[in-house]
Amino acid sequence: TPPYKDERGEGGGWVEAAPSFNDEL
């Protein structure tokens, strides 16, 4: 779920996300 980050953090598991994307919908 949002909020999303402007930059990828440390470690693995990060995925690219669009600002409008909401998993609940």
mmCIF file of all heavy atoms, coordinates in Angstrom:
data_MODEL
# 
_entry.id   MODEL 
# 
loop_
_atom_site.group_PDB 
_atom_site.id 
_atom_site.type_symbol 
_atom_site.label_atom_id 
_atom_site.label_alt_id 
_atom_site.label_comp_id 
_atom_site.label_asym_id 
_atom_site.label_entity_id 
_atom_site.label_seq_id 
_atom_site.pdbx_PDB_ins_code 
_atom_site.Cartn_x 
_atom_site.Cartn_y 
_atom_site.Cartn_z 
_atom_site.occupancy 
_atom_site.B_iso_or_equiv 
_atom_site.pdbx_formal_charge 
_atom_site.auth_seq_id 
_atom_site.auth_comp_id 
_atom_site.auth_asym_id 
_atom_site.auth_atom_id 
_atom_site.pdbx_PDB_model_num 
ATOM 1   N N   . THR A 1 1  ? 0.800  -1.216 0.000   1.00 0.00 ? 1  THR A N   1 
ATOM 2   C CA  . THR A 1 1  ? 0.000  0.000  0.000   1.00 0.00 ? 1  THR A CA  1 
ATOM 3   C C   . THR A 1 1  ? 0.844  1.283  0.000   1.00 0.00 ? 1  THR A C   1 
ATOM 4   O O   . THR A 1 1  ? 1.972  1.287  0.492   1.00 0.00 ? 1  THR A O   1 
ATOM 5   C CB  . THR A 1 1  ? -0.903 -0.009 1.251   1.00 0.00 ? 1  THR A CB  1 
ATOM 6   O OG1 . THR A 1 1  ? -1.719 1.140  1.261   1.00 0.00 ? 1  THR A OG1 1 
ATOM 7   C CG2 . THR A 1 1  ? -0.084 -0.030 2.530   1.00 0.00 ? 1  THR A CG2 1 
ATOM 8   N N   . PRO A 1 2  ? 0.299  2.395  -0.530  1.00 0.00 ? 2  PRO A N   1 
ATOM 9   C CA  . PRO A 1 2  ? 0.947  3.700  -0.371  1.00 0.00 ? 2  PRO A CA  1 
ATOM 10  C C   . PRO A 1 2  ? 1.017  4.055  1.126   1.00 0.00 ? 2  PRO A C   1 
ATOM 11  O O   . PRO A 1 2  ? 0.293  3.457  1.933   1.00 0.00 ? 2  PRO A O   1 
ATOM 12  C CB  . PRO A 1 2  ? 0.018  4.655  -1.134  1.00 0.00 ? 2  PRO A CB  1 
ATOM 13  C CG  . PRO A 1 2  ? -0.785 3.790  -2.043  1.00 0.00 ? 2  PRO A CG  1 
ATOM 14  C CD  . PRO A 1 2  ? -0.928 2.479  -1.336  1.00 0.00 ? 2  PRO A CD  1 
ATOM 15  N N   . PRO A 1 3  ? 1.873  5.024  1.539   1.00 0.00 ? 3  PRO A N   1 
ATOM 16  C CA  . PRO A 1 3  ? 2.666  5.916  0.677   1.00 0.00 ? 3  PRO A CA  1 
ATOM 17  C C   . PRO A 1 3  ? 3.919  5.233  0.124   1.00 0.00 ? 3  PRO A C   1 
ATOM 18  O O   . PRO A 1 3  ? 4.452  4.303  0.732   1.00 0.00 ? 3  PRO A O   1 
ATOM 19  C CB  . PRO A 1 3  ? 3.039  7.050  1.634   1.00 0.00 ? 3  PRO A CB  1 
ATOM 20  C CG  . PRO A 1 3  ? 3.076  6.398  2.987   1.00 0.00 ? 3  PRO A CG  1 
ATOM 21  C CD  . PRO A 1 3  ? 1.991  5.370  2.971   1.00 0.00 ? 3  PRO A CD  1 
ATOM 22  N N   . TYR A 1 4  ? 4.365  5.740  -1.028  1.00 0.00 ? 4  TYR A N   1 
ATOM 23  C CA  . TYR A 1 4  ? 5.558  5.240  -1.682  1.00 0.00 ? 4  TYR A CA  1 
ATOM 24  C C   . TYR A 1 4  ? 6.719  6.213  -1.489  1.00 0.00 ? 4  TYR A C   1 
ATOM 25  O O   . TYR A 1 4  ? 6.525  7.361  -1.100  1.00 0.00 ? 4  TYR A O   1 
ATOM 26  C CB  . TYR A 1 4  ? 5.290  5.024  -3.175  1.00 0.00 ? 4  TYR A CB  1 
ATOM 27  C CG  . TYR A 1 4  ? 4.137  4.081  -3.455  1.00 0.00 ? 4  TYR A CG  1 
ATOM 28  C CD1 . TYR A 1 4  ? 3.196  4.373  -4.446  1.00 0.00 ? 4  TYR A CD1 1 
ATOM 29  C CD2 . TYR A 1 4  ? 3.978  2.898  -2.737  1.00 0.00 ? 4  TYR A CD2 1 
ATOM 30  C CE1 . TYR A 1 4  ? 2.145  3.506  -4.711  1.00 0.00 ? 4  TYR A CE1 1 
ATOM 31  C CE2 . TYR A 1 4  ? 2.934  2.031  -2.996  1.00 0.00 ? 4  TYR A CE2 1 
ATOM 32  C CZ  . TYR A 1 4  ? 2.012  2.343  -3.981  1.00 0.00 ? 4  TYR A CZ  1 
ATOM 33  O OH  . TYR A 1 4  ? 0.979  1.485  -4.238  1.00 0.00 ? 4  TYR A OH  1 
ATOM 34  N N   . LYS A 1 5  ? 7.925  5.740  -1.805  1.00 0.00 ? 5  LYS A N   1 
ATOM 35  C CA  . LYS A 1 5  ? 9.134  6.550  -1.608  1.00 0.00 ? 5  LYS A CA  1 
ATOM 36  C C   . LYS A 1 5  ? 9.660  7.077  -2.945  1.00 0.00 ? 5  LYS A C   1 
ATOM 37  O O   . LYS A 1 5  ? 9.472  6.457  -3.985  1.00 0.00 ? 5  LYS A O   1 
ATOM 38  C CB  . LYS A 1 5  ? 10.221 5.711  -0.926  1.00 0.00 ? 5  LYS A CB  1 
ATOM 39  C CG  . LYS A 1 5  ? 9.890  5.295  0.506   1.00 0.00 ? 5  LYS A CG  1 
ATOM 40  C CD  . LYS A 1 5  ? 11.035 4.485  1.102   1.00 0.00 ? 5  LYS A CD  1 
ATOM 41  C CE  . LYS A 1 5  ? 10.745 4.108  2.548   1.00 0.00 ? 5  LYS A CE  1 
ATOM 42  N NZ  . LYS A 1 5  ? 10.684 5.274  3.437   1.00 0.00 ? 5  LYS A NZ  1 
ATOM 43  N N   . ASP A 1 6  ? 10.364 8.202  -2.859  1.00 0.00 ? 6  ASP A N   1 
ATOM 44  C CA  . ASP A 1 6  ? 10.957 8.782  -4.060  1.00 0.00 ? 6  ASP A CA  1 
ATOM 45  C C   . ASP A 1 6  ? 12.182 8.006  -4.524  1.00 0.00 ? 6  ASP A C   1 
ATOM 46  O O   . ASP A 1 6  ? 12.534 8.029  -5.709  1.00 0.00 ? 6  ASP A O   1 
ATOM 47  C CB  . ASP A 1 6  ? 11.363 10.245 -3.816  1.00 0.00 ? 6  ASP A CB  1 
ATOM 48  C CG  . ASP A 1 6  ? 10.152 11.154 -3.661  1.00 0.00 ? 6  ASP A CG  1 
ATOM 49  O OD1 . ASP A 1 6  ? 9.112  10.848 -4.272  1.00 0.00 ? 6  ASP A OD1 1 
ATOM 50  O OD2 . ASP A 1 6  ? 10.245 12.147 -2.927  1.00 0.00 ? 6  ASP A OD2 1 
ATOM 51  N N   . GLU A 1 7  ? 12.853 7.344  -3.591  1.00 0.00 ? 7  GLU A N   1 
ATOM 52  C CA  . GLU A 1 7  ? 14.071 6.610  -3.926  1.00 0.00 ? 7  GLU A CA  1 
ATOM 53  C C   . GLU A 1 7  ? 14.019 5.203  -3.351  1.00 0.00 ? 7  GLU A C   1 
ATOM 54  O O   . GLU A 1 7  ? 13.366 4.955  -2.327  1.00 0.00 ? 7  GLU A O   1 
ATOM 55  C CB  . GLU A 1 7  ? 15.305 7.331  -3.372  1.00 0.00 ? 7  GLU A CB  1 
ATOM 56  C CG  . GLU A 1 7  ? 15.566 8.694  -3.990  1.00 0.00 ? 7  GLU A CG  1 
ATOM 57  C CD  . GLU A 1 7  ? 16.813 9.344  -3.443  1.00 0.00 ? 7  GLU A CD  1 
ATOM 58  O OE1 . GLU A 1 7  ? 17.340 8.855  -2.420  1.00 0.00 ? 7  GLU A OE1 1 
ATOM 59  O OE2 . GLU A 1 7  ? 17.263 10.318 -4.046  1.00 0.00 ? 7  GLU A OE2 1 
ATOM 60  N N   . ARG A 1 8  ? 14.721 4.309  -4.018  1.00 0.00 ? 8  ARG A N   1 
ATOM 61  C CA  . ARG A 1 8  ? 14.826 2.940  -3.512  1.00 0.00 ? 8  ARG A CA  1 
ATOM 62  C C   . ARG A 1 8  ? 15.706 2.928  -2.270  1.00 0.00 ? 8  ARG A C   1 
ATOM 63  O O   . ARG A 1 8  ? 16.780 3.532  -2.255  1.00 0.00 ? 8  ARG A O   1 
ATOM 64  C CB  . ARG A 1 8  ? 15.406 2.035  -4.598  1.00 0.00 ? 8  ARG A CB  1 
ATOM 65  C CG  . ARG A 1 8  ? 15.644 0.602  -4.124  1.00 0.00 ? 8  ARG A CG  1 
ATOM 66  C CD  . ARG A 1 8  ? 15.931 -0.355 -5.262  1.00 0.00 ? 8  ARG A CD  1 
ATOM 67  N NE  . ARG A 1 8  ? 16.941 0.119  -6.190  1.00 0.00 ? 8  ARG A NE  1 
ATOM 68  C CZ  . ARG A 1 8  ? 17.356 -0.555 -7.242  1.00 0.00 ? 8  ARG A CZ  1 
ATOM 69  N NH1 . ARG A 1 8  ? 16.818 -1.736 -7.514  1.00 0.00 ? 8  ARG A NH1 1 
ATOM 70  N NH2 . ARG A 1 8  ? 18.276 -0.093 -8.036  1.00 0.00 ? 8  ARG A NH2 1 
ATOM 71  N N   . GLY A 1 9  ? 15.261 2.210  -1.230  1.00 0.00 ? 9  GLY A N   1 
ATOM 72  C CA  . GLY A 1 9  ? 16.035 2.124  -0.007  1.00 0.00 ? 9  GLY A CA  1 
ATOM 73  C C   . GLY A 1 9  ? 17.090 1.028  -0.058  1.00 0.00 ? 9  GLY A C   1 
ATOM 74  O O   . GLY A 1 9  ? 17.310 0.391  -1.098  1.00 0.00 ? 9  GLY A O   1 
ATOM 75  N N   . GLU A 1 10 ? 17.738 0.795  1.050   1.00 0.00 ? 10 GLU A N   1 
ATOM 76  C CA  . GLU A 1 10 ? 18.764 -0.231 1.144   1.00 0.00 ? 10 GLU A CA  1 
ATOM 77  C C   . GLU A 1 10 ? 18.130 -1.624 1.166   1.00 0.00 ? 10 GLU A C   1 
ATOM 78  O O   . GLU A 1 10 ? 17.006 -1.809 1.605   1.00 0.00 ? 10 GLU A O   1 
ATOM 79  C CB  . GLU A 1 10 ? 19.598 -0.024 2.408   1.00 0.00 ? 10 GLU A CB  1 
ATOM 80  C CG  . GLU A 1 10 ? 20.384 1.278  2.438   1.00 0.00 ? 10 GLU A CG  1 
ATOM 81  C CD  . GLU A 1 10 ? 21.442 1.342  1.362   1.00 0.00 ? 10 GLU A CD  1 
ATOM 82  O OE1 . GLU A 1 10 ? 22.030 0.290  1.054   1.00 0.00 ? 10 GLU A OE1 1 
ATOM 83  O OE2 . GLU A 1 10 ? 21.681 2.441  0.806   1.00 0.00 ? 10 GLU A OE2 1 
ATOM 84  N N   . GLY A 1 11 ? 18.878 -2.610 0.691   1.00 0.00 ? 11 GLY A N   1 
ATOM 85  C CA  . GLY A 1 11 ? 18.424 -3.991 0.717   1.00 0.00 ? 11 GLY A CA  1 
ATOM 86  C C   . GLY A 1 11 ? 17.553 -4.356 -0.469  1.00 0.00 ? 11 GLY A C   1 
ATOM 87  O O   . GLY A 1 11 ? 17.313 -3.544 -1.368  1.00 0.00 ? 11 GLY A O   1 
ATOM 88  N N   . GLY A 1 12 ? 17.076 -5.605 -0.473  1.00 0.00 ? 12 GLY A N   1 
ATOM 89  C CA  . GLY A 1 12 ? 16.282 -6.103 -1.594  1.00 0.00 ? 12 GLY A CA  1 
ATOM 90  C C   . GLY A 1 12 ? 14.792 -5.938 -1.367  1.00 0.00 ? 12 GLY A C   1 
ATOM 91  O O   . GLY A 1 12 ? 14.336 -5.388 -0.370  1.00 0.00 ? 12 GLY A O   1 
ATOM 92  N N   . GLY A 1 13 ? 14.025 -6.418 -2.330  1.00 0.00 ? 13 GLY A N   1 
ATOM 93  C CA  . GLY A 1 13 ? 12.576 -6.424 -2.206  1.00 0.00 ? 13 GLY A CA  1 
ATOM 94  C C   . GLY A 1 13 ? 11.870 -5.174 -2.680  1.00 0.00 ? 13 GLY A C   1 
ATOM 95  O O   . GLY A 1 13 ? 10.639 -5.095 -2.610  1.00 0.00 ? 13 GLY A O   1 
ATOM 96  N N   . TRP A 1 14 ? 12.612 -4.196 -3.177  1.00 0.00 ? 14 TRP A N   1 
ATOM 97  C CA  . TRP A 1 14 ? 11.981 -2.960 -3.625  1.00 0.00 ? 14 TRP A CA  1 
ATOM 98  C C   . TRP A 1 14 ? 11.405 -3.130 -5.025  1.00 0.00 ? 14 TRP A C   1 
ATOM 99  O O   . TRP A 1 14 ? 12.027 -3.726 -5.898  1.00 0.00 ? 14 TRP A O   1 
ATOM 100 C CB  . TRP A 1 14 ? 12.987 -1.808 -3.626  1.00 0.00 ? 14 TRP A CB  1 
ATOM 101 C CG  . TRP A 1 14 ? 13.372 -1.380 -2.244  1.00 0.00 ? 14 TRP A CG  1 
ATOM 102 C CD1 . TRP A 1 14 ? 14.427 -1.842 -1.506  1.00 0.00 ? 14 TRP A CD1 1 
ATOM 103 C CD2 . TRP A 1 14 ? 12.684 -0.437 -1.423  1.00 0.00 ? 14 TRP A CD2 1 
ATOM 104 N NE1 . TRP A 1 14 ? 14.440 -1.238 -0.273  1.00 0.00 ? 14 TRP A NE1 1 
ATOM 105 C CE2 . TRP A 1 14 ? 13.382 -0.367 -0.193  1.00 0.00 ? 14 TRP A CE2 1 
ATOM 106 C CE3 . TRP A 1 14 ? 11.557 0.352  -1.597  1.00 0.00 ? 14 TRP A CE3 1 
ATOM 107 C CZ2 . TRP A 1 14 ? 12.984 0.458  0.843   1.00 0.00 ? 14 TRP A CZ2 1 
ATOM 108 C CZ3 . TRP A 1 14 ? 11.153 1.180  -0.566  1.00 0.00 ? 14 TRP A CZ3 1 
ATOM 109 C CH2 . TRP A 1 14 ? 11.860 1.234  0.642   1.00 0.00 ? 14 TRP A CH2 1 
ATOM 110 N N   . VAL A 1 15 ? 10.210 -2.598 -5.233  1.00 0.00 ? 15 VAL A N   1 
ATOM 111 C CA  . VAL A 1 15 ? 9.567  -2.663 -6.554  1.00 0.00 ? 15 VAL A CA  1 
ATOM 112 C C   . VAL A 1 15 ? 9.160  -1.262 -6.990  1.00 0.00 ? 15 VAL A C   1 
ATOM 113 O O   . VAL A 1 15 ? 8.925  -0.370 -6.164  1.00 0.00 ? 15 VAL A O   1 
ATOM 114 C CB  . VAL A 1 15 ? 8.342  -3.595 -6.554  1.00 0.00 ? 15 VAL A CB  1 
ATOM 115 C CG1 . VAL A 1 15 ? 8.726  -5.012 -6.180  1.00 0.00 ? 15 VAL A CG1 1 
ATOM 116 C CG2 . VAL A 1 15 ? 7.258  -3.081 -5.618  1.00 0.00 ? 15 VAL A CG2 1 
ATOM 117 N N   . GLU A 1 16 ? 9.074  -1.103 -8.296  1.00 0.00 ? 16 GLU A N   1 
ATOM 118 C CA  . GLU A 1 16 ? 8.692  0.183  -8.876  1.00 0.00 ? 16 GLU A CA  1 
ATOM 119 C C   . GLU A 1 16 ? 7.176  0.346  -8.793  1.00 0.00 ? 16 GLU A C   1 
ATOM 120 O O   . GLU A 1 16 ? 6.435  -0.590 -9.061  1.00 0.00 ? 16 GLU A O   1 
ATOM 121 C CB  . GLU A 1 16 ? 9.151  0.239  -10.335 1.00 0.00 ? 16 GLU A CB  1 
ATOM 122 C CG  . GLU A 1 16 ? 10.666 0.137  -10.482 1.00 0.00 ? 16 GLU A CG  1 
ATOM 123 C CD  . GLU A 1 16 ? 11.092 -0.404 -11.844 1.00 0.00 ? 16 GLU A CD  1 
ATOM 124 O OE1 . GLU A 1 16 ? 10.837 -1.603 -12.086 1.00 0.00 ? 16 GLU A OE1 1 
ATOM 125 O OE2 . GLU A 1 16 ? 11.675 0.357  -12.634 1.00 0.00 ? 16 GLU A OE2 1 
ATOM 126 N N   . ALA A 1 17 ? 6.729  1.574  -8.461  1.00 0.00 ? 17 ALA A N   1 
ATOM 127 C CA  . ALA A 1 17 ? 5.289  1.804  -8.268  1.00 0.00 ? 17 ALA A CA  1 
ATOM 128 C C   . ALA A 1 17 ? 4.883  3.156  -8.848  1.00 0.00 ? 17 ALA A C   1 
ATOM 129 O O   . ALA A 1 17 ? 5.614  4.141  -8.722  1.00 0.00 ? 17 ALA A O   1 
ATOM 130 C CB  . ALA A 1 17 ? 4.941  1.754  -6.787  1.00 0.00 ? 17 ALA A CB  1 
ATOM 131 N N   . ALA A 1 18 ? 3.715  3.170  -9.461  1.00 0.00 ? 18 ALA A N   1 
ATOM 132 C CA  . ALA A 1 18 ? 3.149  4.424  -9.966  1.00 0.00 ? 18 ALA A CA  1 
ATOM 133 C C   . ALA A 1 18 ? 2.478  5.173  -8.826  1.00 0.00 ? 18 ALA A C   1 
ATOM 134 O O   . ALA A 1 18 ? 1.884  4.560  -7.932  1.00 0.00 ? 18 ALA A O   1 
ATOM 135 C CB  . ALA A 1 18 ? 2.143  4.132  -11.071 1.00 0.00 ? 18 ALA A CB  1 
ATOM 136 N N   . PRO A 1 19 ? 2.538  6.504  -8.823  1.00 0.00 ? 19 PRO A N   1 
ATOM 137 C CA  . PRO A 1 19 ? 1.926  7.292  -7.740  1.00 0.00 ? 19 PRO A CA  1 
ATOM 138 C C   . PRO A 1 19 ? 0.443  6.985  -7.540  1.00 0.00 ? 19 PRO A C   1 
ATOM 139 O O   . PRO A 1 19 ? -0.067 7.054  -6.415  1.00 0.00 ? 19 PRO A O   1 
ATOM 140 C CB  . PRO A 1 19 ? 2.145  8.737  -8.200  1.00 0.00 ? 19 PRO A CB  1 
ATOM 141 C CG  . PRO A 1 19 ? 3.335  8.679  -9.108  1.00 0.00 ? 19 PRO A CG  1 
ATOM 142 C CD  . PRO A 1 19 ? 3.254  7.347  -9.790  1.00 0.00 ? 19 PRO A CD  1 
ATOM 143 N N   . SER A 1 20 ? -0.263 6.614  -8.612  1.00 0.00 ? 20 SER A N   1 
ATOM 144 C CA  . SER A 1 20 ? -1.715 6.400  -8.522  1.00 0.00 ? 20 SER A CA  1 
ATOM 145 C C   . SER A 1 20 ? -2.101 4.983  -8.122  1.00 0.00 ? 20 SER A C   1 
ATOM 146 O O   . SER A 1 20 ? -3.276 4.698  -7.909  1.00 0.00 ? 20 SER A O   1 
ATOM 147 C CB  . SER A 1 20 ? -2.361 6.719  -9.876  1.00 0.00 ? 20 SER A CB  1 
ATOM 148 O OG  . SER A 1 20 ? -1.859 5.834  -10.879 1.00 0.00 ? 20 SER A OG  1 
ATOM 149 N N   . PHE A 1 21 ? -1.141 4.084  -8.003  1.00 0.00 ? 21 PHE A N   1 
ATOM 150 C CA  . PHE A 1 21 ? -1.461 2.668  -7.794  1.00 0.00 ? 21 PHE A CA  1 
ATOM 151 C C   . PHE A 1 21 ? -1.844 2.400  -6.345  1.00 0.00 ? 21 PHE A C   1 
ATOM 152 O O   . PHE A 1 21 ? -1.111 2.738  -5.425  1.00 0.00 ? 21 PHE A O   1 
ATOM 153 C CB  . PHE A 1 21 ? -0.274 1.790  -8.190  1.00 0.00 ? 21 PHE A CB  1 
ATOM 154 C CG  . PHE A 1 21 ? -0.614 0.331  -8.294  1.00 0.00 ? 21 PHE A CG  1 
ATOM 155 C CD1 . PHE A 1 21 ? -1.146 -0.186 -9.455  1.00 0.00 ? 21 PHE A CD1 1 
ATOM 156 C CD2 . PHE A 1 21 ? -0.414 -0.519 -7.219  1.00 0.00 ? 21 PHE A CD2 1 
ATOM 157 C CE1 . PHE A 1 21 ? -1.475 -1.529 -9.563  1.00 0.00 ? 21 PHE A CE1 1 
ATOM 158 C CE2 . PHE A 1 21 ? -0.734 -1.866 -7.306  1.00 0.00 ? 21 PHE A CE2 1 
ATOM 159 C CZ  . PHE A 1 21 ? -1.262 -2.367 -8.484  1.00 0.00 ? 21 PHE A CZ  1 
ATOM 160 N N   . ASN A 1 22 ? -2.988 1.755  -6.151  1.00 0.00 ? 22 ASN A N   1 
ATOM 161 C CA  . ASN A 1 22 ? -3.473 1.396  -4.821  1.00 0.00 ? 22 ASN A CA  1 
ATOM 162 C C   . ASN A 1 22 ? -3.885 -0.074 -4.844  1.00 0.00 ? 22 ASN A C   1 
ATOM 163 O O   . ASN A 1 22 ? -4.810 -0.456 -5.571  1.00 0.00 ? 22 ASN A O   1 
ATOM 164 C CB  . ASN A 1 22 ? -4.666 2.278  -4.437  1.00 0.00 ? 22 ASN A CB  1 
ATOM 165 C CG  . ASN A 1 22 ? -5.137 2.047  -3.012  1.00 0.00 ? 22 ASN A CG  1 
ATOM 166 O OD1 . ASN A 1 22 ? -4.937 0.976  -2.447  1.00 0.00 ? 22 ASN A OD1 1 
ATOM 167 N ND2 . ASN A 1 22 ? -5.778 3.044  -2.422  1.00 0.00 ? 22 ASN A ND2 1 
ATOM 168 N N   . ASP A 1 23 ? -3.209 -0.897 -4.061  1.00 0.00 ? 23 ASP A N   1 
ATOM 169 C CA  . ASP A 1 23 ? -3.455 -2.337 -4.122  1.00 0.00 ? 23 ASP A CA  1 
ATOM 170 C C   . ASP A 1 23 ? -4.879 -2.716 -3.742  1.00 0.00 ? 23 ASP A C   1 
ATOM 171 O O   . ASP A 1 23 ? -5.425 -3.708 -4.214  1.00 0.00 ? 23 ASP A O   1 
ATOM 172 C CB  . ASP A 1 23 ? -2.430 -3.109 -3.284  1.00 0.00 ? 23 ASP A CB  1 
ATOM 173 C CG  . ASP A 1 23 ? -2.396 -2.705 -1.818  1.00 0.00 ? 23 ASP A CG  1 
ATOM 174 O OD1 . ASP A 1 23 ? -3.108 -1.752 -1.437  1.00 0.00 ? 23 ASP A OD1 1 
ATOM 175 O OD2 . ASP A 1 23 ? -1.646 -3.342 -1.039  1.00 0.00 ? 23 ASP A OD2 1 
ATOM 176 N N   . GLU A 1 24 ? -5.543 -1.940 -2.882  1.00 0.00 ? 24 GLU A N   1 
ATOM 177 C CA  . GLU A 1 24 ? -6.912 -2.251 -2.468  1.00 0.00 ? 24 GLU A CA  1 
ATOM 178 C C   . GLU A 1 24 ? -7.933 -2.128 -3.602  1.00 0.00 ? 24 GLU A C   1 
ATOM 179 O O   . GLU A 1 24 ? -9.025 -2.668 -3.502  1.00 0.00 ? 24 GLU A O   1 
ATOM 180 C CB  . GLU A 1 24 ? -7.351 -1.306 -1.342  1.00 0.00 ? 24 GLU A CB  1 
ATOM 181 C CG  . GLU A 1 24 ? -6.695 -1.574 -0.006  1.00 0.00 ? 24 GLU A CG  1 
ATOM 182 C CD  . GLU A 1 24 ? -7.246 -0.670 1.078   1.00 0.00 ? 24 GLU A CD  1 
ATOM 183 O OE1 . GLU A 1 24 ? -7.820 0.388  0.745   1.00 0.00 ? 24 GLU A OE1 1 
ATOM 184 O OE2 . GLU A 1 24 ? -7.102 -1.023 2.266   1.00 0.00 ? 24 GLU A OE2 1 
ATOM 185 N N   . LEU A 1 25 ? -7.576 -1.416 -4.652  1.00 0.00 ? 25 LEU A N   1 
ATOM 186 C CA  . LEU A 1 25 ? -8.539 -1.123 -5.718  1.00 0.00 ? 25 LEU A CA  1 
ATOM 187 C C   . LEU A 1 25 ? -8.328 -1.980 -6.968  1.00 0.00 ? 25 LEU A C   1 
ATOM 188 O O   . LEU A 1 25 ? -9.039 -1.802 -7.960  1.00 0.00 ? 25 LEU A O   1 
ATOM 189 C CB  . LEU A 1 25 ? -8.462 0.364  -6.094  1.00 0.00 ? 25 LEU A CB  1 
ATOM 190 C CG  . LEU A 1 25 ? -8.668 1.355  -4.946  1.00 0.00 ? 25 LEU A CG  1 
ATOM 191 C CD1 . LEU A 1 25 ? -8.581 2.780  -5.463  1.00 0.00 ? 25 LEU A CD1 1 
ATOM 192 C CD2 . LEU A 1 25 ? -9.988 1.113  -4.230  1.00 0.00 ? 25 LEU A CD2 1 
# 
